[in-house]
Amino acid sequence: MARVCQITGKRTQVGNNVSHSNNKSLRKFYPNLQTKRFFIPEENKWITLKVCTKAIKTINKNGITAVLKQALAEGRQIKAIIE
């Protein structure tokens, strides 16, 4: 599976390694992804999402239901949810 946050859509970015002699070579910046289980009380079930740490903080602040509704409204593909 791709290294993409299922809530925020963050993905791998590309940049340069720059040496002391100013030589540049390509490198990748990966998002800090965690696989985490969340409980949805309205549906009385657990879901597993691959989310970045910023998304975990947002879920803790706003609640999983509100964050999932917003992600679906923005057009994110969340495979863990079966409606």
N, C-alpha and C. Protein backbone atom coordinates (compact mmCIF):
# COMPACT_ATOMS: atom_id res chain seq x y z
N MET A 1 0.84 -1.17 0.00
CA MET A 1 0.00 0.00 0.00
C MET A 1 0.89 1.24 0.00
N ALA A 2 0.44 2.29 -0.62
CA ALA A 2 1.21 3.51 -0.75
C ALA A 2 1.37 4.20 0.60
N ARG A 3 2.40 4.99 0.73
CA ARG A 3 2.64 5.75 1.96
C ARG A 3 1.86 7.04 1.91
N VAL A 4 0.55 6.93 2.11
CA VAL A 4 -0.35 8.08 2.05
C VAL A 4 -1.26 8.02 3.27
N CYS A 5 -1.43 9.16 3.93
CA CYS A 5 -2.34 9.25 5.06
C CYS A 5 -3.77 9.19 4.53
N GLN A 6 -4.61 8.35 5.14
CA GLN A 6 -5.97 8.17 4.66
C GLN A 6 -6.89 9.32 5.07
N ILE A 7 -6.48 10.13 6.03
CA ILE A 7 -7.30 11.24 6.49
C ILE A 7 -6.88 12.56 5.83
N THR A 8 -5.61 12.89 5.92
CA THR A 8 -5.15 14.19 5.41
C THR A 8 -4.68 14.14 3.97
N GLY A 9 -4.31 12.96 3.47
CA GLY A 9 -3.81 12.84 2.11
C GLY A 9 -2.33 13.15 1.97
N LYS A 10 -1.63 13.31 3.10
CA LYS A 10 -0.19 13.56 3.02
C LYS A 10 0.49 12.39 2.35
N ARG A 11 1.47 12.70 1.49
CA ARG A 11 2.20 11.66 0.79
C ARG A 11 3.69 11.99 0.77
N THR A 12 4.48 11.11 0.19
CA THR A 12 5.93 11.28 0.14
C THR A 12 6.29 12.50 -0.68
N GLN A 13 7.24 13.31 -0.16
CA GLN A 13 7.75 14.46 -0.89
C GLN A 13 9.18 14.18 -1.33
N VAL A 14 9.63 14.88 -2.35
CA VAL A 14 10.97 14.68 -2.90
C VAL A 14 11.78 15.95 -2.69
N GLY A 15 13.05 15.76 -2.32
CA GLY A 15 13.96 16.89 -2.13
C GLY A 15 15.38 16.46 -2.45
N ASN A 16 16.32 17.22 -1.97
CA ASN A 16 17.73 16.96 -2.25
C ASN A 16 18.52 16.73 -0.96
N ASN A 17 19.47 15.79 -1.03
CA ASN A 17 20.54 15.73 -0.04
C ASN A 17 21.60 16.70 -0.54
N VAL A 18 22.10 17.56 0.30
CA VAL A 18 23.13 18.51 -0.11
C VAL A 18 24.36 18.25 0.73
N SER A 19 25.47 17.89 0.06
CA SER A 19 26.70 17.56 0.76
C SER A 19 27.46 18.85 1.12
N HIS A 20 28.53 18.68 1.87
CA HIS A 20 29.37 19.81 2.25
C HIS A 20 29.94 20.51 1.01
N SER A 21 30.21 19.72 -0.04
CA SER A 21 30.74 20.30 -1.28
C SER A 21 29.62 20.77 -2.21
N ASN A 22 28.39 20.83 -1.68
CA ASN A 22 27.21 21.33 -2.40
C ASN A 22 26.78 20.43 -3.55
N ASN A 23 27.16 19.13 -3.51
CA ASN A 23 26.63 18.17 -4.47
C ASN A 23 25.22 17.82 -4.04
N LYS A 24 24.34 17.67 -5.02
CA LYS A 24 22.94 17.39 -4.71
C LYS A 24 22.54 16.03 -5.28
N SER A 25 21.84 15.26 -4.47
CA SER A 25 21.28 13.99 -4.92
C SER A 25 19.86 13.88 -4.36
N LEU A 26 19.00 13.23 -5.13
CA LEU A 26 17.60 13.16 -4.73
C LEU A 26 17.41 12.30 -3.49
N ARG A 27 16.45 12.66 -2.67
CA ARG A 27 16.06 11.89 -1.50
C ARG A 27 14.56 12.03 -1.31
N LYS A 28 13.99 11.26 -0.41
CA LYS A 28 12.55 11.29 -0.15
C LYS A 28 12.30 11.66 1.31
N PHE A 29 11.23 12.42 1.51
CA PHE A 29 10.75 12.76 2.85
C PHE A 29 9.44 12.00 3.04
N TYR A 30 9.43 11.04 3.95
CA TYR A 30 8.24 10.23 4.18
C TYR A 30 7.39 10.83 5.30
N PRO A 31 6.07 10.76 5.18
CA PRO A 31 5.22 11.21 6.29
C PRO A 31 5.32 10.22 7.45
N ASN A 32 5.08 10.70 8.65
CA ASN A 32 5.16 9.87 9.84
C ASN A 32 3.85 9.09 9.99
N LEU A 33 3.75 7.97 9.27
CA LEU A 33 2.51 7.19 9.24
C LEU A 33 2.48 6.14 10.34
N GLN A 34 1.32 5.97 10.93
CA GLN A 34 1.09 4.97 11.96
C GLN A 34 -0.18 4.20 11.57
N THR A 35 -0.19 2.92 11.84
CA THR A 35 -1.40 2.12 11.68
C THR A 35 -2.11 2.11 13.02
N LYS A 36 -3.32 2.63 13.05
CA LYS A 36 -4.02 2.82 14.33
C LYS A 36 -5.47 2.37 14.21
N ARG A 37 -5.97 1.78 15.28
CA ARG A 37 -7.37 1.37 15.34
C ARG A 37 -8.17 2.44 16.07
N PHE A 38 -9.35 2.73 15.54
CA PHE A 38 -10.24 3.71 16.16
C PHE A 38 -11.60 3.06 16.36
N PHE A 39 -12.26 3.40 17.47
CA PHE A 39 -13.58 2.88 17.76
C PHE A 39 -14.62 3.91 17.37
N ILE A 40 -15.61 3.49 16.57
CA ILE A 40 -16.70 4.37 16.17
C ILE A 40 -17.92 3.98 17.00
N PRO A 41 -18.28 4.79 18.00
CA PRO A 41 -19.38 4.40 18.89
C PRO A 41 -20.74 4.36 18.20
N GLU A 42 -20.96 5.19 17.17
CA GLU A 42 -22.25 5.20 16.48
C GLU A 42 -22.53 3.87 15.79
N GLU A 43 -21.50 3.25 15.25
CA GLU A 43 -21.64 1.98 14.54
C GLU A 43 -21.22 0.80 15.40
N ASN A 44 -20.69 1.07 16.59
CA ASN A 44 -20.24 0.05 17.53
C ASN A 44 -19.23 -0.91 16.89
N LYS A 45 -18.23 -0.34 16.19
CA LYS A 45 -17.20 -1.18 15.57
C LYS A 45 -15.86 -0.45 15.54
N TRP A 46 -14.81 -1.24 15.36
CA TRP A 46 -13.44 -0.73 15.25
C TRP A 46 -13.07 -0.64 13.78
N ILE A 47 -12.29 0.38 13.43
CA ILE A 47 -11.73 0.47 12.08
C ILE A 47 -10.22 0.69 12.22
N THR A 48 -9.48 0.24 11.25
CA THR A 48 -8.03 0.42 11.22
C THR A 48 -7.70 1.38 10.08
N LEU A 49 -6.97 2.43 10.42
CA LEU A 49 -6.58 3.42 9.42
C LEU A 49 -5.07 3.60 9.45
N LYS A 50 -4.52 3.97 8.31
CA LYS A 50 -3.11 4.34 8.20
C LYS A 50 -3.07 5.87 8.17
N VAL A 51 -2.69 6.48 9.29
CA VAL A 51 -2.77 7.93 9.44
C VAL A 51 -1.45 8.51 9.90
N CYS A 52 -1.22 9.79 9.56
CA CYS A 52 -0.04 10.49 10.04
C CYS A 52 -0.32 10.99 11.46
N THR A 53 0.71 11.40 12.16
CA THR A 53 0.56 11.80 13.55
C THR A 53 -0.26 13.09 13.67
N LYS A 54 -0.21 13.95 12.68
CA LYS A 54 -1.05 15.15 12.69
C LYS A 54 -2.53 14.76 12.64
N ALA A 55 -2.87 13.73 11.87
CA ALA A 55 -4.25 13.28 11.79
C ALA A 55 -4.70 12.67 13.11
N ILE A 56 -3.80 11.99 13.81
CA ILE A 56 -4.15 11.43 15.13
C ILE A 56 -4.49 12.55 16.10
N LYS A 57 -3.71 13.62 16.07
CA LYS A 57 -4.00 14.77 16.93
C LYS A 57 -5.35 15.40 16.58
N THR A 58 -5.64 15.49 15.28
CA THR A 58 -6.91 16.06 14.84
C THR A 58 -8.08 15.18 15.29
N ILE A 59 -7.91 13.87 15.20
CA ILE A 59 -8.96 12.94 15.63
C ILE A 59 -9.18 13.05 17.14
N ASN A 60 -8.11 13.18 17.91
CA ASN A 60 -8.24 13.33 19.36
C ASN A 60 -8.97 14.63 19.71
N LYS A 61 -8.77 15.66 18.92
CA LYS A 61 -9.38 16.96 19.20
C LYS A 61 -10.85 17.01 18.77
N ASN A 62 -11.16 16.56 17.55
CA ASN A 62 -12.49 16.73 16.98
C ASN A 62 -13.38 15.50 17.06
N GLY A 63 -12.79 14.34 17.25
CA GLY A 63 -13.55 13.09 17.26
C GLY A 63 -13.48 12.38 15.92
N ILE A 64 -13.51 11.06 15.98
CA ILE A 64 -13.33 10.26 14.77
C ILE A 64 -14.48 10.44 13.78
N THR A 65 -15.71 10.57 14.27
CA THR A 65 -16.85 10.68 13.37
C THR A 65 -16.80 11.96 12.55
N ALA A 66 -16.49 13.08 13.21
CA ALA A 66 -16.43 14.37 12.51
C ALA A 66 -15.29 14.38 11.49
N VAL A 67 -14.15 13.79 11.84
CA VAL A 67 -13.00 13.77 10.94
C VAL A 67 -13.28 12.88 9.73
N LEU A 68 -13.95 11.74 9.94
CA LEU A 68 -14.28 10.87 8.82
C LEU A 68 -15.28 11.52 7.87
N LYS A 69 -16.27 12.22 8.42
CA LYS A 69 -17.25 12.92 7.56
C LYS A 69 -16.55 13.98 6.72
N GLN A 70 -15.61 14.72 7.34
CA GLN A 70 -14.90 15.76 6.59
C GLN A 70 -14.01 15.14 5.52
N ALA A 71 -13.32 14.04 5.83
CA ALA A 71 -12.45 13.39 4.86
C ALA A 71 -13.26 12.86 3.67
N LEU A 72 -14.43 12.28 3.95
CA LEU A 72 -15.28 11.79 2.86
C LEU A 72 -15.82 12.94 2.03
N ALA A 73 -16.12 14.07 2.67
CA ALA A 73 -16.62 15.24 1.93
C ALA A 73 -15.54 15.82 1.01
N GLU A 74 -14.27 15.70 1.42
CA GLU A 74 -13.16 16.19 0.60
C GLU A 74 -12.78 15.20 -0.49
N GLY A 75 -13.39 14.03 -0.49
CA GLY A 75 -13.14 13.06 -1.56
C GLY A 75 -12.04 12.07 -1.27
N ARG A 76 -11.65 11.90 -0.01
CA ARG A 76 -10.61 10.93 0.34
C ARG A 76 -11.20 9.52 0.21
N GLN A 77 -10.38 8.61 -0.26
CA GLN A 77 -10.79 7.21 -0.37
C GLN A 77 -10.40 6.50 0.92
N ILE A 78 -11.38 6.21 1.74
CA ILE A 78 -11.12 5.50 2.99
C ILE A 78 -11.69 4.11 2.83
N LYS A 79 -10.77 3.12 2.65
CA LYS A 79 -11.19 1.76 2.33
C LYS A 79 -11.72 1.02 3.56
N ALA A 80 -11.35 1.50 4.76
CA ALA A 80 -11.72 0.77 5.97
C ALA A 80 -13.20 0.95 6.31
N ILE A 81 -13.87 1.93 5.71
CA ILE A 81 -15.25 2.21 6.05
C ILE A 81 -16.17 1.58 5.02
N ILE A 82 -17.09 0.79 5.49
CA ILE A 82 -18.10 0.20 4.61
C ILE A 82 -19.43 0.81 4.98
N GLU A 83 -20.02 1.55 4.06
CA GLU A 83 -21.26 2.25 4.37
C GLU A 83 -22.46 1.50 3.85
